[in-house]
Amino acid sequence: MEIRPSERKLAFTWAIRLVNVTLAVPEELHRIMKRHPEIKWSKVARQAMWEYARKLELLDRVASKSKLSERDALKIGEAVKRGMAERYVKAEGA
């Protein structure tokens, strides 16, 4: 018996376990959300969390390959902050 391409069916089953998370949001945000019940807010939150988590994963990969110590990184961070502050002060005075 031959199966024609139009008769072939593929079935994929994904078993994804979801857990519930409760979020606290400011009242103003809650009012906006209530005015838009057509939006699937849990989906919006899930997408935002995935985006943030992917950035964290990238940072973890970069940090795992770094030869800087935490102390070195803090020193560099302080130097960058000082430089930015000086640039801001100069720009304000100009």
Protein backbone atom coordinates (compact mmCIF):
# COMPACT_ATOMS: atom_id res chain seq x y z
CA MET A 1 0.00 0.00 0.00
CA GLU A 2 1.46 3.33 -1.05
CA ILE A 3 0.99 6.45 1.06
CA ARG A 4 0.58 9.60 -0.97
CA PRO A 5 2.32 12.80 0.26
CA SER A 6 -1.04 14.41 0.96
CA GLU A 7 -1.92 11.53 3.28
CA ARG A 8 1.24 11.64 5.37
CA LYS A 9 0.81 13.13 8.77
CA LEU A 10 3.45 13.98 11.30
CA ALA A 11 2.69 14.17 14.95
CA PHE A 12 5.00 15.74 17.47
CA THR A 13 4.35 15.66 21.15
CA TRP A 14 6.14 18.04 23.44
CA ALA A 15 6.04 17.37 27.13
CA ILE A 16 6.78 20.68 28.80
CA ARG A 17 6.11 20.94 32.47
CA LEU A 18 5.07 24.40 33.58
CA VAL A 19 5.14 25.68 37.12
CA ASN A 20 3.15 28.57 38.53
CA VAL A 21 4.88 31.75 39.60
CA THR A 22 3.13 34.59 41.41
CA LEU A 23 4.22 38.13 40.61
CA ALA A 24 3.60 41.36 42.46
CA VAL A 25 3.08 44.37 40.20
CA PRO A 26 2.49 48.04 41.00
CA GLU A 27 -1.15 49.15 41.09
CA GLU A 28 -0.73 51.39 38.04
CA LEU A 29 0.54 48.45 35.97
CA HIS A 30 -2.32 46.30 37.27
CA ARG A 31 -4.85 48.92 36.15
CA ILE A 32 -3.34 48.93 32.65
CA MET A 33 -3.39 45.15 32.53
CA LYS A 34 -7.05 45.09 33.60
CA ARG A 35 -7.93 47.49 30.77
CA HIS A 36 -6.47 45.00 28.28
CA PRO A 37 -7.90 41.56 29.04
CA GLU A 38 -7.28 40.55 25.42
CA ILE A 39 -3.57 40.35 26.19
CA LYS A 40 -2.22 37.05 27.54
CA TRP A 41 -0.16 38.64 30.29
CA SER A 42 1.34 35.35 31.42
CA LYS A 43 2.71 34.91 27.88
CA VAL A 44 4.15 38.45 27.94
CA ALA A 45 5.82 37.76 31.29
CA ARG A 46 7.11 34.37 30.12
CA GLN A 47 8.64 35.90 26.98
CA ALA A 48 10.29 38.70 28.97
CA MET A 49 11.71 36.20 31.46
CA TRP A 50 13.05 33.99 28.63
CA GLU A 51 14.73 37.02 27.03
CA TYR A 52 16.36 37.97 30.33
CA ALA A 53 17.37 34.37 31.03
CA ARG A 54 19.03 34.08 27.60
CA LYS A 55 21.06 37.21 28.34
CA LEU A 56 22.12 35.70 31.67
CA GLU A 57 23.15 32.47 29.93
CA LEU A 58 25.29 34.48 27.51
CA LEU A 59 26.89 36.39 30.38
CA ASP A 60 27.56 33.11 32.20
CA ARG A 61 29.30 31.69 29.12
CA VAL A 62 31.42 34.81 28.70
CA ALA A 63 32.29 34.91 32.40
CA SER A 64 33.23 31.23 32.44
CA LYS A 65 35.90 31.92 29.80
CA SER A 66 37.22 35.05 31.51
CA LYS A 67 40.63 35.03 33.15
CA LEU A 68 39.77 38.07 35.28
CA SER A 69 39.21 37.57 38.95
CA GLU A 70 36.12 39.05 40.56
CA ARG A 71 38.35 41.65 42.20
CA ASP A 72 39.83 42.62 38.80
CA ALA A 73 36.35 42.96 37.33
CA LEU A 74 35.24 45.17 40.22
CA LYS A 75 38.29 47.42 39.75
CA ILE A 76 37.54 47.79 36.05
CA GLY A 77 33.90 48.53 36.85
CA GLU A 78 34.89 51.27 39.30
CA ALA A 79 37.26 52.80 36.74
CA VAL A 80 34.51 52.83 34.13
CA LYS A 81 32.08 54.46 36.57
CA ARG A 82 34.64 57.15 37.47
CA GLY A 83 35.28 57.84 33.78
CA MET A 84 31.57 58.10 33.04
CA ALA A 85 31.04 60.42 36.01
CA GLU A 86 33.90 62.67 34.88
CA ARG A 87 32.53 62.78 31.33
CA TYR A 88 29.07 63.65 32.67
CA VAL A 89 30.43 66.46 34.87
CA LYS A 90 32.40 67.89 31.93
CA ALA A 91 29.34 67.72 29.67
CA GLU A 92 27.24 69.53 32.27
CA GLY A 93 29.86 72.28 32.61
CA ALA A 94 30.26 72.78 28.86
